[in-house]
């Protein structure tokens, strides 16, 4: 959901809309324990932890 909202924020310039929905999320990226399991499972080898922090910085 964070990456979806970040896409609206960046690509469609819906900054206020994306921030409002982000604030309404019950679980936010700061709940991430940075275990790296998501990166190990990612078929594209994306730096998910870094990307999540960057998106949260824009939205939060």
C-alpha atoms as a PDB file:
ATOM      1  CA  UNK A   1       0.000   0.000   0.000  1.00  0.00           C
ATOM      2  CA  UNK A   2       2.852   2.375   0.807  1.00  0.00           C
ATOM      3  CA  UNK A   3       4.353   1.928  -2.653  1.00  0.00           C
ATOM      4  CA  UNK A   4       0.954   2.367  -4.286  1.00  0.00           C
ATOM      5  CA  UNK A   5       0.368   5.642  -2.444  1.00  0.00           C
ATOM      6  CA  UNK A   6       3.894   6.773  -3.230  1.00  0.00           C
ATOM      7  CA  UNK A   7       3.150   6.175  -6.905  1.00  0.00           C
ATOM      8  CA  UNK A   8       0.132   8.464  -6.719  1.00  0.00           C
ATOM      9  CA  UNK A   9       2.263  10.994  -4.871  1.00  0.00           C
ATOM     10  CA  UNK A  10       5.105  10.997  -7.396  1.00  0.00           C
ATOM     11  CA  UNK A  11       3.596  10.063 -10.749  1.00  0.00           C
ATOM     12  CA  UNK A  12       0.191  11.718 -10.589  1.00  0.00           C
ATOM     13  CA  UNK A  13       1.052  14.673  -8.330  1.00  0.00           C
ATOM     14  CA  UNK A  14      -1.703  13.727  -5.887  1.00  0.00           C
ATOM     15  CA  UNK A  15       0.403  14.623  -2.877  1.00  0.00           C
ATOM     16  CA  UNK A  16      -2.378  15.666  -0.508  1.00  0.00           C
ATOM     17  CA  UNK A  17      -4.569  12.724  -1.442  1.00  0.00           C
ATOM     18  CA  UNK A  18      -1.738  10.226  -0.955  1.00  0.00           C
ATOM     19  CA  UNK A  19      -0.649  11.744   2.360  1.00  0.00           C
ATOM     20  CA  UNK A  20      -4.196  11.681   3.686  1.00  0.00           C
ATOM     21  CA  UNK A  21      -4.587   7.987   2.898  1.00  0.00           C
ATOM     22  CA  UNK A  22      -1.142   7.232   4.289  1.00  0.00           C
ATOM     23  CA  UNK A  23      -2.046   8.872   7.586  1.00  0.00           C
ATOM     24  CA  UNK A  24      -5.157   6.690   7.753  1.00  0.00           C
ATOM     25  CA  UNK A  25      -3.156   3.466   7.525  1.00  0.00           C
ATOM     26  CA  UNK A  26      -3.271   1.378  10.690  1.00  0.00           C
ATOM     27  CA  UNK A  27       0.210  -0.085  10.210  1.00  0.00           C
ATOM     28  CA  UNK A  28       2.954   2.195   8.956  1.00  0.00           C
ATOM     29  CA  UNK A  29       6.453   1.456   7.632  1.00  0.00           C
ATOM     30  CA  UNK A  30       8.006   2.192  11.026  1.00  0.00           C
ATOM     31  CA  UNK A  31       6.632  -1.222  12.074  1.00  0.00           C
ATOM     32  CA  UNK A  32       9.210  -2.810   9.766  1.00  0.00           C
ATOM     33  CA  UNK A  33      11.834  -4.701  11.754  1.00  0.00           C
ATOM     34  CA  UNK A  34      14.322  -4.607   8.859  1.00  0.00           C
ATOM     35  CA  UNK A  35      14.835  -8.357   8.855  1.00  0.00           C
ATOM     36  CA  UNK A  36      15.379  -8.319   5.081  1.00  0.00           C
ATOM     37  CA  UNK A  37      13.032 -11.230   4.422  1.00  0.00           C
ATOM     38  CA  UNK A  38      11.081  -9.199   1.868  1.00  0.00           C
ATOM     39  CA  UNK A  39      14.264  -8.476  -0.099  1.00  0.00           C
ATOM     40  CA  UNK A  40      15.251 -12.136  -0.081  1.00  0.00           C
ATOM     41  CA  UNK A  41      11.860 -13.057  -1.555  1.00  0.00           C
ATOM     42  CA  UNK A  42      11.700 -10.235  -4.100  1.00  0.00           C
ATOM     43  CA  UNK A  43      12.093 -11.675  -7.623  1.00  0.00           C
ATOM     44  CA  UNK A  44      13.447  -8.318  -8.828  1.00  0.00           C
ATOM     45  CA  UNK A  45      16.090  -7.914  -6.109  1.00  0.00           C
ATOM     46  CA  UNK A  46      14.704  -4.531  -5.131  1.00  0.00           C
ATOM     47  CA  UNK A  47      16.122  -2.690  -2.104  1.00  0.00           C
ATOM     48  CA  UNK A  48      12.713  -2.751  -0.434  1.00  0.00           C
ATOM     49  CA  UNK A  49      13.833  -1.529   2.980  1.00  0.00           C
ATOM     50  CA  UNK A  50      15.476   1.558   1.479  1.00  0.00           C
ATOM     51  CA  UNK A  51      12.547   2.171  -0.851  1.00  0.00           C
ATOM     52  CA  UNK A  52      10.107   1.899   2.048  1.00  0.00           C
ATOM     53  CA  UNK A  53      12.023   4.476   4.091  1.00  0.00           C
ATOM     54  CA  UNK A  54      12.143   6.885   1.153  1.00  0.00           C
ATOM     55  CA  UNK A  55       8.420   6.519   0.451  1.00  0.00           C
ATOM     56  CA  UNK A  56       7.555   6.978   4.129  1.00  0.00           C
ATOM     57  CA  UNK A  57       9.706  10.115   4.192  1.00  0.00           C
ATOM     58  CA  UNK A  58       7.710  11.604   1.320  1.00  0.00           C
ATOM     59  CA  UNK A  59       4.309  10.568   2.635  1.00  0.00           C
ATOM     60  CA  UNK A  60       4.812  11.090   6.327  1.00  0.00           C
END
